[in-house]
C-alpha atoms as a PDB file:
ATOM      1  CA  MET A   1     -75.873-136.065 148.626  1.00  0.00           C
ATOM      2  CA  GLN A   2     -76.237-134.580 152.112  1.00  0.00           C
ATOM      3  CA  ASP A   3     -72.501-133.842 152.380  1.00  0.00           C
ATOM      4  CA  ILE A   4     -72.487-132.164 148.971  1.00  0.00           C
ATOM      5  CA  LEU A   5     -75.490-130.012 149.851  1.00  0.00           C
ATOM      6  CA  GLN A   6     -73.960-129.035 153.189  1.00  0.00           C
ATOM      7  CA  HIS A   7     -70.828-127.912 151.347  1.00  0.00           C
ATOM      8  CA  ILE A   8     -72.854-125.983 148.767  1.00  0.00           C
ATOM      9  CA  VAL A   9     -74.971-124.141 151.345  1.00  0.00           C
ATOM     10  CA  GLY A  10     -71.797-123.136 153.194  1.00  0.00           C
ATOM     11  CA  HIS A  11     -70.299-121.227 150.228  1.00  0.00           C
ATOM     12  CA  ASN A  12     -72.310-118.311 148.837  1.00  0.00           C
ATOM     13  CA  ASP A  13     -70.834-118.320 145.318  1.00  0.00           C
ATOM     14  CA  LEU A  14     -71.322-122.065 145.083  1.00  0.00           C
ATOM     15  CA  HIS A  15     -74.819-121.775 146.498  1.00  0.00           C
ATOM     16  CA  ALA A  16     -75.726-119.192 143.854  1.00  0.00           C
ATOM     17  CA  LYS A  17     -74.590-121.563 141.104  1.00  0.00           C
ATOM     18  CA  TRP A  18     -76.557-124.394 142.708  1.00  0.00           C
ATOM     19  CA  LEU A  19     -79.749-122.342 142.766  1.00  0.00           C
ATOM     20  CA  ASN A  20     -79.138-121.320 139.167  1.00  0.00           C
ATOM     21  CA  THR A  21     -78.555-124.950 138.209  1.00  0.00           C
ATOM     22  CA  LEU A  22     -81.836-126.014 139.809  1.00  0.00           C
ATOM     23  CA  SER A  23     -83.563-123.097 138.087  1.00  0.00           C
ATOM     24  CA  PHE A  24     -82.149-124.195 134.728  1.00  0.00           C
ATOM     25  CA  MET A  25     -83.403-127.748 135.261  1.00  0.00           C
ATOM     26  CA  GLU A  26     -86.877-126.617 136.303  1.00  0.00           C
ATOM     27  CA  ASN A  27     -87.020-124.387 133.232  1.00  0.00           C
ATOM     28  CA  ALA A  28     -85.801-127.216 131.005  1.00  0.00           C
ATOM     29  CA  GLY A  29     -88.548-129.415 132.453  1.00  0.00           C
ATOM     30  CA  ALA A  30     -91.211-126.809 131.745  1.00  0.00           C
ATOM     31  CA  ARG A  31     -90.002-126.416 128.171  1.00  0.00           C
ATOM     32  CA  LYS A  32     -89.934-130.196 127.696  1.00  0.00           C
ATOM     33  CA  ILE A  33     -93.520-130.495 128.949  1.00  0.00           C
ATOM     34  CA  SER A  34     -94.651-127.800 126.512  1.00  0.00           C
ATOM     35  CA  ALA A  35     -92.763-129.466 123.667  1.00  0.00           C
ATOM     36  CA  CYS A  36     -94.700-132.681 124.339  1.00  0.00           C
ATOM     37  CA  GLU A  37     -98.076-130.999 124.023  1.00  0.00           C
ATOM     38  CA  HIS A  38    -100.460-132.161 121.323  1.00  0.00           C
ATOM     39  CA  PRO A  39    -101.464-129.275 119.007  1.00  0.00           C
ATOM     40  CA  THR A  40    -105.065-129.433 120.253  1.00  0.00           C
ATOM     41  CA  LEU A  41    -105.532-132.229 122.828  1.00  0.00           C
ATOM     42  CA  VAL A  42    -103.861-130.490 125.768  1.00  0.00           C
ATOM     43  CA  ASP A  43    -105.401-131.166 129.173  1.00  0.00           C
ATOM     44  CA  PHE A  44    -105.577-128.982 132.272  1.00  0.00           C
ATOM     45  CA  ILE A  45    -102.964-130.954 134.235  1.00  0.00           C
ATOM     46  CA  GLN A  46    -100.323-130.613 131.530  1.00  0.00           C
ATOM     47  CA  LEU A  47    -100.827-126.842 131.318  1.00  0.00           C
ATOM     48  CA  LYS A  48    -100.784-126.520 135.112  1.00  0.00           C
ATOM     49  CA  HIS A  49     -97.632-128.588 135.394  1.00  0.00           C
ATOM     50  CA  ALA A  50     -95.718-126.590 132.780  1.00  0.00           C
ATOM     51  CA  ALA A  51     -96.794-123.312 134.394  1.00  0.00           C
ATOM     52  CA  GLU A  52     -95.685-124.443 137.863  1.00  0.00           C
ATOM     53  CA  GLU A  53     -92.309-125.695 136.630  1.00  0.00           C
ATOM     54  CA  HIS A  54     -91.724-122.319 134.987  1.00  0.00           C
ATOM     55  CA  ARG A  55     -92.661-120.631 138.254  1.00  0.00           C
ATOM     56  CA  HIS A  56     -90.195-122.831 140.152  1.00  0.00           C
ATOM     57  CA  ALA A  57     -87.446-121.758 137.753  1.00  0.00           C
ATOM     58  CA  TYR A  58     -88.333-118.116 138.362  1.00  0.00           C
ATOM     59  CA  TYR A  59     -88.586-118.571 142.142  1.00  0.00           C
ATOM     60  CA  LEU A  60     -85.177-120.270 142.372  1.00  0.00           C
ATOM     61  CA  LYS A  61     -83.654-117.545 140.225  1.00  0.00           C
ATOM     62  CA  LYS A  62     -84.979-114.920 142.638  1.00  0.00           C
ATOM     63  CA  GLN A  63     -83.495-116.777 145.610  1.00  0.00           C
ATOM     64  CA  ILE A  64     -79.978-116.233 144.228  1.00  0.00           C
ATOM     65  CA  ALA A  65     -80.020-112.606 145.404  1.00  0.00           C
ATOM     66  CA  LYS A  66     -80.230-113.855 149.012  1.00  0.00           C
ATOM     67  CA  VAL A  67     -76.786-115.466 148.796  1.00  0.00           C
ATOM     68  CA  SER A  68     -74.857-113.577 146.112  1.00  0.00           C
ATOM     69  CA  ALA A  69     -75.734-110.279 144.475  1.00  0.00           C
ATOM     70  CA  ASP A  70     -75.321-109.677 140.748  1.00  0.00           C
ATOM     71  CA  THR A  71     -74.351-113.243 139.847  1.00  0.00           C
ATOM     72  CA  CYS A  72     -75.873-116.020 137.733  1.00  0.00           C
ATOM     73  CA  LYS A  73     -78.010-113.692 135.631  1.00  0.00           C
ATOM     74  CA  THR A  74     -78.282-116.205 132.776  1.00  0.00           C
ATOM     75  CA  TYR A  75     -77.804-119.936 132.196  1.00  0.00           C
ATOM     76  CA  GLN A  76     -74.391-119.709 130.553  1.00  0.00           C
ATOM     77  CA  LEU A  77     -72.019-122.605 131.226  1.00  0.00           C
ATOM     78  CA  HIS A  78     -69.875-120.726 133.737  1.00  0.00           C
ATOM     79  CA  GLU A  79     -72.993-119.928 135.786  1.00  0.00           C
ATOM     80  CA  LEU A  80     -74.001-123.577 136.290  1.00  0.00           C
ATOM     81  CA  LEU A  81     -72.627-126.450 138.341  1.00  0.00           C
ATOM     82  CA  ALA A  82     -71.565-129.478 136.275  1.00  0.00           C
ATOM     83  CA  PRO A  83     -72.741-127.511 133.221  1.00  0.00           C
ATOM     84  CA  HIS A  84     -72.443-130.243 130.583  1.00  0.00           C
ATOM     85  CA  GLN A  85     -74.216-132.864 132.700  1.00  0.00           C
ATOM     86  CA  THR A  86     -76.819-130.290 133.739  1.00  0.00           C
ATOM     87  CA  ARG A  87     -77.609-129.162 130.196  1.00  0.00           C
ATOM     88  CA  HIS A  88     -77.978-132.712 128.833  1.00  0.00           C
ATOM     89  CA  TYR A  89     -79.596-134.420 131.856  1.00  0.00           C
ATOM     90  CA  LEU A  90     -83.239-134.121 130.865  1.00  0.00           C
ATOM     91  CA  HIS A  91     -82.617-134.493 127.132  1.00  0.00           C
ATOM     92  CA  GLN A  92     -80.700-137.730 127.666  1.00  0.00           C
ATOM     93  CA  LEU A  93     -83.398-139.101 129.932  1.00  0.00           C
ATOM     94  CA  ASP A  94     -86.060-138.199 127.392  1.00  0.00           C
ATOM     95  CA  MET A  95     -84.151-139.864 124.546  1.00  0.00           C
ATOM     96  CA  GLN A  96     -83.505-143.048 126.544  1.00  0.00           C
ATOM     97  CA  ALA A  97     -87.106-143.218 127.743  1.00  0.00           C
ATOM     98  CA  CYS A  98     -88.410-142.694 124.197  1.00  0.00           C
ATOM     99  CA  ARG A  99     -86.254-145.545 122.931  1.00  0.00           C
ATOM    100  CA  TYR A 100     -87.570-147.854 125.655  1.00  0.00           C
ATOM    101  CA  LEU A 101     -91.218-146.856 125.208  1.00  0.00           C
ATOM    102  CA  LYS A 102     -91.035-147.146 121.426  1.00  0.00           C
ATOM    103  CA  ASN A 103     -89.611-150.665 121.690  1.00  0.00           C
ATOM    104  CA  THR A 104     -92.033-151.701 124.448  1.00  0.00           C
ATOM    105  CA  PHE A 105     -95.315-150.190 123.257  1.00  0.00           C
ATOM    106  CA  GLY A 106     -94.617-149.622 119.550  1.00  0.00           C
ATOM    107  CA  LEU A 107     -95.535-145.962 119.880  1.00  0.00           C
ATOM    108  CA  GLN A 108     -94.514-143.143 117.586  1.00  0.00           C
ATOM    109  CA  GLY A 109     -95.278-139.499 116.883  1.00  0.00           C
ATOM    110  CA  SER A 110     -97.506-137.644 119.336  1.00  0.00           C
ATOM    111  CA  GLN A 111     -98.354-140.842 121.240  1.00  0.00           C
ATOM    112  CA  LEU A 112     -94.685-141.500 121.930  1.00  0.00           C
ATOM    113  CA  LYS A 113     -94.156-137.864 122.987  1.00  0.00           C
ATOM    114  CA  TYR A 114     -97.035-138.095 125.441  1.00  0.00           C
ATOM    115  CA  ALA A 115     -95.871-141.408 126.905  1.00  0.00           C
ATOM    116  CA  ALA A 116     -92.378-139.989 127.343  1.00  0.00           C
ATOM    117  CA  TYR A 117     -93.865-136.928 129.056  1.00  0.00           C
ATOM    118  CA  LEU A 118     -95.664-139.185 131.536  1.00  0.00           C
ATOM    119  CA  PHE A 119     -92.756-141.455 132.435  1.00  0.00           C
ATOM    120  CA  VAL A 120     -89.951-138.892 132.323  1.00  0.00           C
ATOM    121  CA  THR A 121     -91.931-136.396 134.387  1.00  0.00           C
ATOM    122  CA  TYR A 122     -92.779-139.124 136.896  1.00  0.00           C
ATOM    123  CA  ALA A 123     -89.093-140.025 137.302  1.00  0.00           C
ATOM    124  CA  ILE A 124     -88.122-136.361 137.706  1.00  0.00           C
ATOM    125  CA  GLU A 125     -90.844-135.816 140.317  1.00  0.00           C
ATOM    126  CA  VAL A 126     -89.603-138.836 142.281  1.00  0.00           C
ATOM    127  CA  ARG A 127     -86.146-137.262 142.172  1.00  0.00           C
ATOM    128  CA  ALA A 128     -87.489-133.865 143.252  1.00  0.00           C
ATOM    129  CA  ASP A 129     -89.292-135.475 146.190  1.00  0.00           C
ATOM    130  CA  ALA A 130     -85.960-136.945 147.304  1.00  0.00           C
ATOM    131  CA  LEU A 131     -83.728-133.932 146.609  1.00  0.00           C
ATOM    132  CA  TYR A 132     -85.627-130.833 147.757  1.00  0.00           C
ATOM    133  CA  PRO A 133     -86.384-132.004 151.346  1.00  0.00           C
ATOM    134  CA  VAL A 134     -82.704-132.844 151.923  1.00  0.00           C
ATOM    135  CA  TYR A 135     -81.751-129.434 150.538  1.00  0.00           C
ATOM    136  CA  GLN A 136     -84.320-127.689 152.753  1.00  0.00           C
ATOM    137  CA  ALA A 137     -82.974-129.537 155.801  1.00  0.00           C
ATOM    138  CA  GLU A 138     -79.488-128.200 155.057  1.00  0.00           C
ATOM    139  CA  LEU A 139     -80.888-124.696 154.582  1.00  0.00           C
ATOM    140  CA  ASP A 140     -82.598-124.942 157.970  1.00  0.00           C
ATOM    141  CA  LYS A 141     -79.429-126.163 159.672  1.00  0.00           C
ATOM    142  CA  ALA A 142     -77.435-123.286 158.200  1.00  0.00           C
ATOM    143  CA  GLY A 143     -80.111-120.709 159.084  1.00  0.00           C
ATOM    144  CA  SER A 144     -80.234-119.683 155.424  1.00  0.00           C
ATOM    145  CA  LYS A 145     -82.701-117.120 154.106  1.00  0.00           C
ATOM    146  CA  VAL A 146     -83.241-119.378 151.072  1.00  0.00           C
ATOM    147  CA  MET A 147     -86.374-121.550 151.246  1.00  0.00           C
ATOM    148  CA  VAL A 148     -87.747-124.250 148.929  1.00  0.00           C
ATOM    149  CA  ARG A 149     -90.705-125.467 151.013  1.00  0.00           C
ATOM    150  CA  SER A 150     -93.263-124.142 148.515  1.00  0.00           C
ATOM    151  CA  ILE A 151     -91.568-126.138 145.745  1.00  0.00           C
ATOM    152  CA  ILE A 152     -91.627-129.300 147.889  1.00  0.00           C
ATOM    153  CA  VAL A 153     -95.396-129.029 148.360  1.00  0.00           C
ATOM    154  CA  GLU A 154     -96.061-128.509 144.648  1.00  0.00           C
ATOM    155  CA  GLU A 155     -93.701-131.291 143.557  1.00  0.00           C
ATOM    156  CA  GLU A 156     -95.545-133.702 145.868  1.00  0.00           C
ATOM    157  CA  GLY A 157     -98.771-132.705 144.140  1.00  0.00           C
ATOM    158  CA  HIS A 158     -97.174-133.171 140.724  1.00  0.00           C
ATOM    159  CA  LEU A 159     -96.113-136.702 141.634  1.00  0.00           C
ATOM    160  CA  GLU A 160     -99.656-137.643 142.650  1.00  0.00           C
ATOM    161  CA  GLU A 161    -100.985-136.215 139.390  1.00  0.00           C
ATOM    162  CA  MET A 162     -98.441-138.162 137.332  1.00  0.00           C
ATOM    163  CA  ILE A 163     -99.359-141.406 139.093  1.00  0.00           C
ATOM    164  CA  HIS A 164    -103.045-140.896 138.233  1.00  0.00           C
ATOM    165  CA  GLN A 165    -102.178-140.241 134.582  1.00  0.00           C
ATOM    166  CA  LEU A 166     -99.892-143.283 134.414  1.00  0.00           C
ATOM    167  CA  GLN A 167    -102.614-145.487 135.900  1.00  0.00           C
ATOM    168  CA  ASP A 168    -104.817-144.449 132.999  1.00  0.00           C
ATOM    169  CA  PHE A 169    -102.018-145.072 130.504  1.00  0.00           C
ATOM    170  CA  ALA A 170    -101.218-148.697 131.397  1.00  0.00           C
ATOM    171  CA  PRO A 171    -102.259-151.119 134.168  1.00  0.00           C
ATOM    172  CA  ASP A 172     -98.639-152.269 134.559  1.00  0.00           C
ATOM    173  CA  TRP A 173     -97.225-148.723 134.491  1.00  0.00           C
ATOM    174  CA  GLU A 174     -95.089-149.340 137.579  1.00  0.00           C
ATOM    175  CA  VAL A 175     -92.979-151.931 135.753  1.00  0.00           C
ATOM    176  CA  HIS A 176     -92.087-149.416 133.060  1.00  0.00           C
ATOM    177  CA  ALA A 177     -91.707-146.562 135.554  1.00  0.00           C
ATOM    178  CA  ARG A 178     -89.083-148.580 137.439  1.00  0.00           C
ATOM    179  CA  HIS A 179     -87.109-148.966 134.221  1.00  0.00           C
ATOM    180  CA  VAL A 180     -87.190-145.215 133.522  1.00  0.00           C
ATOM    181  CA  GLU A 181     -86.225-144.530 137.142  1.00  0.00           C
ATOM    182  CA  LYS A 182     -83.117-146.685 136.677  1.00  0.00           C
ATOM    183  CA  LEU A 183     -82.181-144.620 133.629  1.00  0.00           C
ATOM    184  CA  GLU A 184     -82.662-141.447 135.653  1.00  0.00           C
ATOM    185  CA  GLN A 185     -80.652-142.816 138.586  1.00  0.00           C
ATOM    186  CA  GLN A 186     -77.609-143.320 136.369  1.00  0.00           C
ATOM    187  CA  LEU A 187     -77.868-139.774 135.030  1.00  0.00           C
ATOM    188  CA  PHE A 188     -78.337-138.396 138.543  1.00  0.00           C
ATOM    189  CA  ASP A 189     -75.310-140.286 139.855  1.00  0.00           C
ATOM    190  CA  ASN A 190     -73.163-138.918 137.032  1.00  0.00           C
ATOM    191  CA  TRP A 191     -74.479-135.394 137.640  1.00  0.00           C
ATOM    192  CA  LEU A 192     -73.838-135.536 141.375  1.00  0.00           C
ATOM    193  CA  ALA A 193     -70.348-136.974 140.847  1.00  0.00           C
ATOM    194  CA  ALA A 194     -69.537-134.105 138.460  1.00  0.00           C
ATOM    195  CA  ILE A 195     -70.740-131.580 141.037  1.00  0.00           C
ATOM    196  CA  GLY A 196     -68.631-133.321 143.679  1.00  0.00           C
ATOM    197  CA  GLN A 197     -65.597-132.839 141.460  1.00  0.00           C
ATOM    198  CA  GLU A 198     -66.255-129.091 141.302  1.00  0.00           C
ATOM    199  CA  LEU A 199     -66.504-128.809 145.085  1.00  0.00           C
ATOM    200  CA  THR A 200     -62.775-129.409 145.417  1.00  0.00           C
ATOM    201  CA  GLN A 201     -62.298-125.816 144.251  1.00  0.00           C
ATOM    202  CA  TYR A 202     -64.219-124.579 147.292  1.00  0.00           C
ATOM    203  CA  ALA A 203     -62.503-126.580 150.061  1.00  0.00           C
END
């Protein structure tokens, strides 16, 4: 991952697509959180989390101007890295997690949606806590004007909040979280491999 990020940060057009790709995924996460909301039983943390993910998407989008002007204005396929893997990443994880949670806990309807929100968001926050610091380190090394430190701090807070909610959901939550993390790891590996393939165009 470090080599890929070093390559990305070293090419402005590629870097713009990377920022746009991260923005798309943050936005997709925010929309997924909102889609999981109960019509009336929505708590403060869920609202806060959706709002912050939307803000991350906006912040990353703004950062694009620091590396490449007038590019990546939308989330069209040609403006994303590994576009097909990127667009389906979160949806696939959500579907796989739902299948597992339905079989394990016998949940359905709004209860299944909420459980999926907890476990999928947890897995994504674990990923964010691994990805963003490595990215920031590469930005620092390159002396880039782009910064993601504010996102790192908020994602760390999100992870703590998800752990507290999962502890309330099930005493053995960690067993099930590990399973969802394995599902996410496979999707992440495929996503990163697809990005690696695209980097050959920028050698």
